[in-house]
Each structure stands twice: as structure tokens, then as C-alpha cells.
PDB file of N, CA and C in Angstrom:
ATOM      1  N   UNK A   1       0.845  -1.155  -0.012  1.00  0.00           N
ATOM      2  CA  UNK A   1       0.011   0.066   0.126  1.00  0.00           C
ATOM      3  C   UNK A   1       0.673   1.012  -0.112  1.00  0.00           C
ATOM      4  N   UNK A   2       0.461   2.179  -1.075  1.00  0.00           N
ATOM      5  CA  UNK A   2       1.141   3.536  -0.748  1.00  0.00           C
ATOM      6  C   UNK A   2      -0.163   4.582  -0.364  1.00  0.00           C
ATOM      7  N   UNK A   3       0.721   5.210   0.979  1.00  0.00           N
ATOM      8  CA  UNK A   3      -0.503   6.552   0.576  1.00  0.00           C
ATOM      9  C   UNK A   3      -0.174   7.484   0.126  1.00  0.00           C
ATOM     10  N   UNK A   4      -1.086   9.045   0.673  1.00  0.00           N
ATOM     11  CA  UNK A   4      -0.958  10.082  -0.317  1.00  0.00           C
ATOM     12  C   UNK A   4       0.546  10.945  -0.006  1.00  0.00           C
ATOM     13  N   UNK A   5       1.365  10.551   0.743  1.00  0.00           N
ATOM     14  CA  UNK A   5       2.630  10.887   1.155  1.00  0.00           C
ATOM     15  C   UNK A   5       3.551   9.924   0.505  1.00  0.00           C
ATOM     16  N   UNK A   6       3.437   9.011  -0.046  1.00  0.00           N
ATOM     17  CA  UNK A   6       3.848   8.080  -0.743  1.00  0.00           C
ATOM     18  C   UNK A   6       5.287   7.522  -0.208  1.00  0.00           C
ATOM     19  N   UNK A   7       4.240   6.856   1.329  1.00  0.00           N
ATOM     20  CA  UNK A   7       5.184   5.991   2.144  1.00  0.00           C
ATOM     21  C   UNK A   7       4.436   4.410   1.834  1.00  0.00           C
ATOM     22  N   UNK A   8       5.602   3.888   1.648  1.00  0.00           N
ATOM     23  CA  UNK A   8       4.904   2.748   1.605  1.00  0.00           C
ATOM     24  C   UNK A   8       4.994   1.862   2.967  1.00  0.00           C
ATOM     25  N   UNK A   9       3.969   0.484   2.779  1.00  0.00           N
ATOM     26  CA  UNK A   9       4.026  -0.110   4.125  1.00  0.00           C
ATOM     27  C   UNK A   9       3.837  -1.832   3.418  1.00  0.00           C
ATOM     28  N   UNK A  10       4.146  -2.314   4.039  1.00  0.00           N
ATOM     29  CA  UNK A  10       4.209  -3.589   4.152  1.00  0.00           C
ATOM     30  C   UNK A  10       3.471  -4.558   4.957  1.00  0.00           C
ATOM     31  N   UNK A  11       2.439  -5.169   4.209  1.00  0.00           N
ATOM     32  CA  UNK A  11       1.976  -5.933   5.572  1.00  0.00           C
ATOM     33  C   UNK A  11       2.271  -7.526   5.045  1.00  0.00           C
ATOM     34  N   UNK A  12       2.637  -8.431   5.998  1.00  0.00           N
ATOM     35  CA  UNK A  12       2.557 -10.154   5.351  1.00  0.00           C
ATOM     36  C   UNK A  12       1.872 -10.734   6.367  1.00  0.00           C
ATOM     37  N   UNK A  13       1.107 -11.638   5.351  1.00  0.00           N
ATOM     38  CA  UNK A  13      -0.299 -12.200   5.801  1.00  0.00           C
ATOM     39  C   UNK A  13      -0.154 -13.893   5.041  1.00  0.00           C
ATOM     40  N   UNK A  14      -0.700 -14.090   6.744  1.00  0.00           N
ATOM     41  CA  UNK A  14       0.027 -15.898   7.052  1.00  0.00           C
ATOM     42  C   UNK A  14      -0.927 -16.761   5.823  1.00  0.00           C
ATOM     43  N   UNK A  15      -2.143 -16.543   5.734  1.00  0.00           N
ATOM     44  CA  UNK A  15      -2.769 -16.927   4.665  1.00  0.00           C
ATOM     45  C   UNK A  15      -4.024 -15.835   4.095  1.00  0.00           C
ATOM     46  N   UNK A  16      -4.914 -16.391   2.971  1.00  0.00           N
ATOM     47  CA  UNK A  16      -5.812 -15.581   2.495  1.00  0.00           C
ATOM     48  C   UNK A  16      -6.908 -15.492   3.121  1.00  0.00           C
ATOM     49  N   UNK A  17      -7.140 -15.258   4.712  1.00  0.00           N
ATOM     50  CA  UNK A  17      -8.311 -15.498   5.102  1.00  0.00           C
ATOM     51  C   UNK A  17      -7.989 -13.723   6.092  1.00  0.00           C
ATOM     52  N   UNK A  18      -6.118 -14.040   6.340  1.00  0.00           N
ATOM     53  CA  UNK A  18      -6.023 -12.542   6.679  1.00  0.00           C
ATOM     54  C   UNK A  18      -6.130 -11.731   5.451  1.00  0.00           C
ATOM     55  N   UNK A  19      -5.824 -11.653   4.024  1.00  0.00           N
ATOM     56  CA  UNK A  19      -5.913 -10.931   2.943  1.00  0.00           C
ATOM     57  C   UNK A  19      -7.695 -10.438   3.093  1.00  0.00           C
ATOM     58  N   UNK A  20      -8.157 -11.065   3.115  1.00  0.00           N
ATOM     59  CA  UNK A  20      -9.479 -10.996   3.057  1.00  0.00           C
ATOM     60  C   UNK A  20     -10.436 -10.126   4.220  1.00  0.00           C
ATOM     61  N   UNK A  21      -9.586 -10.324   5.130  1.00  0.00           N
ATOM     62  CA  UNK A  21     -10.145  -9.676   6.011  1.00  0.00           C
ATOM     63  C   UNK A  21      -9.505  -7.880   6.332  1.00  0.00           C
ATOM     64  N   UNK A  22      -8.304  -7.993   5.959  1.00  0.00           N
ATOM     65  CA  UNK A  22      -7.744  -6.882   5.884  1.00  0.00           C
ATOM     66  C   UNK A  22      -8.252  -6.283   5.227  1.00  0.00           C
ATOM     67  N   UNK A  23      -8.636  -6.297   3.256  1.00  0.00           N
ATOM     68  CA  UNK A  23      -9.268  -5.406   2.210  1.00  0.00           C
ATOM     69  C   UNK A  23     -11.015  -5.123   2.759  1.00  0.00           C
ATOM     70  N   UNK A  24     -11.645  -5.994   3.704  1.00  0.00           N
ATOM     71  CA  UNK A  24     -12.797  -5.394   4.726  1.00  0.00           C
ATOM     72  C   UNK A  24     -12.629  -4.480   5.174  1.00  0.00           C
ATOM     73  N   UNK A  25     -11.625  -4.567   6.188  1.00  0.00           N
ATOM     74  CA  UNK A  25     -11.546  -3.493   7.226  1.00  0.00           C
ATOM     75  C   UNK A  25     -11.046  -2.396   6.652  1.00  0.00           C
ATOM     76  N   UNK A  26     -10.335  -2.228   5.766  1.00  0.00           N
ATOM     77  CA  UNK A  26      -9.865  -1.234   4.404  1.00  0.00           C
ATOM     78  C   UNK A  26     -10.660  -0.691   3.940  1.00  0.00           C
ATOM     79  N   UNK A  27     -11.907  -0.960   3.588  1.00  0.00           N
ATOM     80  CA  UNK A  27     -12.120  -0.537   2.852  1.00  0.00           C
ATOM     81  C   UNK A  27     -13.787   0.106   3.722  1.00  0.00           C
ATOM     82  N   UNK A  28     -14.075  -0.215   4.469  1.00  0.00           N
ATOM     83  CA  UNK A  28     -15.234  -0.129   5.189  1.00  0.00           C
ATOM     84  C   UNK A  28     -14.815   1.207   5.675  1.00  0.00           C
ATOM     85  N   UNK A  29     -16.089   2.119   6.299  1.00  0.00           N
ATOM     86  CA  UNK A  29     -16.647   3.133   7.127  1.00  0.00           C
ATOM     87  C   UNK A  29     -15.590   3.345   8.267  1.00  0.00           C
ATOM     88  N   UNK A  30     -14.634   4.051   8.760  1.00  0.00           N
ATOM     89  CA  UNK A  30     -14.591   4.139   9.974  1.00  0.00           C
ATOM     90  C   UNK A  30     -14.847   4.708  10.985  1.00  0.00           C
ATOM     91  N   UNK A  31     -14.959   4.447  12.549  1.00  0.00           N
ATOM     92  CA  UNK A  31     -15.725   4.567  13.306  1.00  0.00           C
ATOM     93  C   UNK A  31     -15.118   6.219  13.394  1.00  0.00           C
ATOM     94  N   UNK A  32     -16.302   7.120  14.320  1.00  0.00           N
ATOM     95  CA  UNK A  32     -15.895   8.416  14.356  1.00  0.00           C
ATOM     96  C   UNK A  32     -15.071   8.748  15.736  1.00  0.00           C
ATOM     97  N   UNK A  33     -14.367   9.114  15.882  1.00  0.00           N
ATOM     98  CA  UNK A  33     -13.529   9.510  16.513  1.00  0.00           C
ATOM     99  C   UNK A  33     -13.426  10.747  17.349  1.00  0.00           C
ATOM    100  N   UNK A  34     -14.041  10.934  18.186  1.00  0.00           N
ATOM    101  CA  UNK A  34     -14.262  11.650  19.687  1.00  0.00           C
ATOM    102  C   UNK A  34     -13.779  12.319  20.131  1.00  0.00           C
ATOM    103  N   UNK A  35     -13.378  12.798  20.714  1.00  0.00           N
ATOM    104  CA  UNK A  35     -12.708  13.685  21.831  1.00  0.00           C
ATOM    105  C   UNK A  35     -13.001  13.271  23.036  1.00  0.00           C
ATOM    106  N   UNK A  36     -12.215  12.716  24.107  1.00  0.00           N
ATOM    107  CA  UNK A  36     -12.779  12.724  25.645  1.00  0.00           C
ATOM    108  C   UNK A  36     -11.995  13.533  26.186  1.00  0.00           C
ATOM    109  N   UNK A  37     -11.420  15.170  25.996  1.00  0.00           N
ATOM    110  CA  UNK A  37     -10.797  15.513  26.724  1.00  0.00           C
ATOM    111  C   UNK A  37     -11.519  16.866  27.379  1.00  0.00           C
ATOM    112  N   UNK A  38     -11.746  16.587  28.820  1.00  0.00           N
ATOM    113  CA  UNK A  38     -12.354  17.507  30.102  1.00  0.00           C
ATOM    114  C   UNK A  38     -11.540  18.056  30.758  1.00  0.00           C
ATOM    115  N   UNK A  39     -11.827  19.645  30.531  1.00  0.00           N
ATOM    116  CA  UNK A  39     -10.906  20.288  31.549  1.00  0.00           C
ATOM    117  C   UNK A  39     -11.319  20.268  32.821  1.00  0.00           C
ATOM    118  N   UNK A  40     -10.371  20.009  33.481  1.00  0.00           N
ATOM    119  CA  UNK A  40     -10.643  20.028  35.484  1.00  0.00           C
ATOM    120  C   UNK A  40     -10.147  21.111  35.734  1.00  0.00           C
ATOM    121  N   UNK A  41     -10.498  21.789  36.971  1.00  0.00           N
ATOM    122  CA  UNK A  41      -9.945  22.731  37.403  1.00  0.00           C
ATOM    123  C   UNK A  41      -8.684  22.178  38.167  1.00  0.00           C
ATOM    124  N   UNK A  42      -8.219  21.172  38.362  1.00  0.00           N
ATOM    125  CA  UNK A  42      -6.990  21.216  39.023  1.00  0.00           C
ATOM    126  C   UNK A  42      -5.881  21.216  37.607  1.00  0.00           C
ATOM    127  N   UNK A  43      -6.332  21.051  36.039  1.00  0.00           N
ATOM    128  CA  UNK A  43      -5.816  21.070  35.244  1.00  0.00           C
ATOM    129  C   UNK A  43      -5.171  22.716  34.769  1.00  0.00           C
ATOM    130  N   UNK A  44      -6.445  23.714  35.001  1.00  0.00           N
ATOM    131  CA  UNK A  44      -6.150  24.483  34.992  1.00  0.00           C
ATOM    132  C   UNK A  44      -4.943  25.386  35.904  1.00  0.00           C
ATOM    133  N   UNK A  45      -5.666  24.977  37.411  1.00  0.00           N
ATOM    134  CA  UNK A  45      -4.428  25.380  38.141  1.00  0.00           C
ATOM    135  C   UNK A  45      -3.131  25.238  38.011  1.00  0.00           C
ATOM    136  N   UNK A  46      -2.897  24.037  37.391  1.00  0.00           N
ATOM    137  CA  UNK A  46      -1.631  23.235  36.958  1.00  0.00           C
ATOM    138  C   UNK A  46      -0.910  24.152  35.880  1.00  0.00           C
ATOM    139  N   UNK A  47      -1.623  24.240  35.046  1.00  0.00           N
ATOM    140  CA  UNK A  47      -1.014  24.878  33.786  1.00  0.00           C
ATOM    141  C   UNK A  47      -0.560  26.871  34.216  1.00  0.00           C
ATOM    142  N   UNK A  48      -1.615  27.552  34.835  1.00  0.00           N
ATOM    143  CA  UNK A  48      -1.299  28.519  35.263  1.00  0.00           C
ATOM    144  C   UNK A  48      -0.211  28.845  36.061  1.00  0.00           C
ATOM    145  N   UNK A  49       0.334  27.393  36.990  1.00  0.00           N
ATOM    146  CA  UNK A  49       1.695  28.100  37.355  1.00  0.00           C
ATOM    147  C   UNK A  49       2.996  27.633  36.847  1.00  0.00           C
ATOM    148  N   UNK A  50       2.553  27.300  35.819  1.00  0.00           N
ATOM    149  CA  UNK A  50       3.878  27.237  34.792  1.00  0.00           C
ATOM    150  C   UNK A  50       3.980  28.548  33.412  1.00  0.00           C
ATOM    151  N   UNK A  51       4.264  29.723  34.168  1.00  0.00           N
ATOM    152  CA  UNK A  51       4.162  31.087  33.172  1.00  0.00           C
ATOM    153  C   UNK A  51       4.690  30.997  31.581  1.00  0.00           C
ATOM    154  N   UNK A  52       5.870  29.650  31.026  1.00  0.00           N
ATOM    155  CA  UNK A  52       6.033  29.824  29.991  1.00  0.00           C
ATOM    156  C   UNK A  52       4.506  29.096  28.920  1.00  0.00           C
ATOM    157  N   UNK A  53       3.313  28.459  29.693  1.00  0.00           N
ATOM    158  CA  UNK A  53       3.012  27.949  29.053  1.00  0.00           C
ATOM    159  C   UNK A  53       1.439  28.888  28.521  1.00  0.00           C
ATOM    160  N   UNK A  54       0.937  29.141  27.579  1.00  0.00           N
ATOM    161  CA  UNK A  54       0.118  29.942  27.296  1.00  0.00           C
ATOM    162  C   UNK A  54      -1.344  28.991  27.255  1.00  0.00           C
ATOM    163  N   UNK A  55      -2.034  29.391  28.356  1.00  0.00           N
ATOM    164  CA  UNK A  55      -3.665  28.578  28.367  1.00  0.00           C
ATOM    165  C   UNK A  55      -4.548  28.865  27.334  1.00  0.00           C
ATOM    166  N   UNK A  56      -4.591  29.695  26.633  1.00  0.00           N
ATOM    167  CA  UNK A  56      -5.375  29.892  25.810  1.00  0.00           C
ATOM    168  C   UNK A  56      -5.125  29.219  24.582  1.00  0.00           C
ATOM    169  N   UNK A  57      -3.409  29.385  24.651  1.00  0.00           N
ATOM    170  CA  UNK A  57      -3.389  28.489  23.088  1.00  0.00           C
ATOM    171  C   UNK A  57      -3.521  26.971  23.238  1.00  0.00           C
ATOM    172  N   UNK A  58      -2.670  26.357  24.355  1.00  0.00           N
ATOM    173  CA  UNK A  58      -3.501  25.224  24.729  1.00  0.00           C
ATOM    174  C   UNK A  58      -4.813  24.680  24.180  1.00  0.00           C
ATOM    175  N   UNK A  59      -5.621  25.331  24.847  1.00  0.00           N
ATOM    176  CA  UNK A  59      -7.177  25.139  24.706  1.00  0.00           C
ATOM    177  C   UNK A  59      -7.579  25.128  23.159  1.00  0.00           C
ATOM    178  N   UNK A  60      -7.034  26.225  22.163  1.00  0.00           N
ATOM    179  CA  UNK A  60      -7.113  26.089  20.801  1.00  0.00           C
ATOM    180  C   UNK A  60      -6.756  25.220  20.155  1.00  0.00           C
ATOM    181  N   UNK A  61      -5.046  24.658  20.860  1.00  0.00           N
ATOM    182  CA  UNK A  61      -4.670  23.116  19.995  1.00  0.00           C
ATOM    183  C   UNK A  61      -5.505  22.129  20.321  1.00  0.00           C
ATOM    184  N   UNK A  62      -6.547  21.902  21.374  1.00  0.00           N
ATOM    185  CA  UNK A  62      -6.813  20.896  21.738  1.00  0.00           C
ATOM    186  C   UNK A  62      -7.883  20.233  20.586  1.00  0.00           C
ATOM    187  N   UNK A  63      -7.855  18.922  20.712  1.00  0.00           N
ATOM    188  CA  UNK A  63      -8.651  18.149  19.474  1.00  0.00           C
ATOM    189  C   UNK A  63     -10.008  18.433  19.687  1.00  0.00           C
ATOM    190  N   UNK A  64     -10.528  18.647  20.820  1.00  0.00           N
ATOM    191  CA  UNK A  64     -11.719  18.716  20.939  1.00  0.00           C
ATOM    192  C   UNK A  64     -12.656  20.068  20.669  1.00  0.00           C
ATOM    193  N   UNK A  65     -11.852  21.182  20.952  1.00  0.00           N
ATOM    194  CA  UNK A  65     -11.792  22.031  20.254  1.00  0.00           C
ATOM    195  C   UNK A  65     -11.717  22.313  18.419  1.00  0.00           C
ATOM    196  N   UNK A  66     -10.957  21.207  17.929  1.00  0.00           N
ATOM    197  CA  UNK A  66     -10.662  21.365  16.586  1.00  0.00           C
ATOM    198  C   UNK A  66     -12.220  20.606  16.090  1.00  0.00           C
ATOM    199  N   UNK A  67     -12.730  19.950  16.626  1.00  0.00           N
ATOM    200  CA  UNK A  67     -13.884  19.158  16.489  1.00  0.00           C
ATOM    201  C   UNK A  67     -15.252  20.223  16.771  1.00  0.00           C
ATOM    202  N   UNK A  68     -15.133  21.158  17.402  1.00  0.00           N
ATOM    203  CA  UNK A  68     -15.865  22.193  17.647  1.00  0.00           C
ATOM    204  C   UNK A  68     -16.101  23.260  16.768  1.00  0.00           C
ATOM    205  N   UNK A  69     -14.928  23.559  16.250  1.00  0.00           N
ATOM    206  CA  UNK A  69     -15.006  24.188  15.156  1.00  0.00           C
ATOM    207  C   UNK A  69     -15.416  24.024  13.837  1.00  0.00           C
ATOM    208  N   UNK A  70     -15.156  22.321  13.257  1.00  0.00           N
ATOM    209  CA  UNK A  70     -15.732  21.554  12.181  1.00  0.00           C
ATOM    210  C   UNK A  70     -16.962  21.489  12.044  1.00  0.00           C
ATOM    211  N   UNK A  71     -17.636  22.098  13.761  1.00  0.00           N
ATOM    212  CA  UNK A  71     -19.152  21.204  13.278  1.00  0.00           C
ATOM    213  C   UNK A  71     -20.182  23.127  13.729  1.00  0.00           C
ATOM    214  N   UNK A  72     -19.306  23.769  13.275  1.00  0.00           N
ATOM    215  CA  UNK A  72     -19.694  25.095  13.076  1.00  0.00           C
ATOM    216  C   UNK A  72     -20.628  25.141  11.905  1.00  0.00           C
ATOM    217  N   UNK A  73     -20.047  24.789  10.856  1.00  0.00           N
ATOM    218  CA  UNK A  73     -20.899  24.982   9.585  1.00  0.00           C
ATOM    219  C   UNK A  73     -22.302  24.363   9.683  1.00  0.00           C
ATOM    220  N   UNK A  74     -22.202  23.571  10.249  1.00  0.00           N
ATOM    221  CA  UNK A  74     -23.807  22.661  10.610  1.00  0.00           C
ATOM    222  C   UNK A  74     -24.798  23.013  11.557  1.00  0.00           C
ATOM    223  N   UNK A  75     -24.270  23.322  12.370  1.00  0.00           N
ATOM    224  CA  UNK A  75     -24.252  24.763  13.324  1.00  0.00           C
ATOM    225  C   UNK A  75     -25.158  25.487  13.487  1.00  0.00           C
ATOM    226  N   UNK A  76     -24.420  26.173  12.406  1.00  0.00           N
ATOM    227  CA  UNK A  76     -24.722  28.131  11.756  1.00  0.00           C
ATOM    228  C   UNK A  76     -26.098  27.459  10.525  1.00  0.00           C
ATOM    229  N   UNK A  77     -25.661  26.135   9.880  1.00  0.00           N
ATOM    230  CA  UNK A  77     -27.146  25.736   9.004  1.00  0.00           C
ATOM    231  C   UNK A  77     -28.507  25.778   9.545  1.00  0.00           C
ATOM    232  N   UNK A  78     -28.384  25.177  10.656  1.00  0.00           N
ATOM    233  CA  UNK A  78     -29.568  24.631  11.474  1.00  0.00           C
ATOM    234  C   UNK A  78     -30.116  25.771  12.278  1.00  0.00           C
ATOM    235  N   UNK A  79     -29.602  27.132  12.391  1.00  0.00           N
ATOM    236  CA  UNK A  79     -30.285  27.986  13.218  1.00  0.00           C
ATOM    237  C   UNK A  79     -30.839  29.137  11.861  1.00  0.00           C
ATOM    238  N   UNK A  80     -30.855  29.017  10.178  1.00  0.00           N
ATOM    239  CA  UNK A  80     -31.843  29.309   9.973  1.00  0.00           C
ATOM    240  C   UNK A  80     -33.446  28.770   9.870  1.00  0.00           C
TER     241      UNK A  80
END
């Protein structure tokens, strides 16, 4: 298999069943990936103790925030 960045991957399968399962799993739909990141009070206090860490940047770069940004068009369309 070669991905879009031209990186190659070699998969060794001991028999035909593994090849069929690999094809089945690789072509099916993927499960949604939802962030389980939950900011707690202690996490905020620990981050505030470190002056070199920008708390706002940490929150903006979190996967949960990215998921929220990607859902904005759907939410805005639902308001109309």
C-alpha cells in the first residue's frame, strides 16, 4: 500500500483469510473519533502555575476545540 505522501507499507499475511479481512476492514467506513478531553479545575491550576505555557493556546490546539470548529457550519445551518 502507498499513501498520498508516497510512504510505503508492507503487510505480511500468513494466509488468504487475513488478506480478505484486511481488505474488508480497510475499505469499510471508519468509526468516528470523538475527543474525551475534559478540562478540570486542577488542570487549569497546574497550567497557570507555569508562566511559559499559554493556557489559551493549549485550549485552542486541543482536539475537542478542533471538533467544535468543524461542527460550526452544521450548527450555523441549523439556525436558519
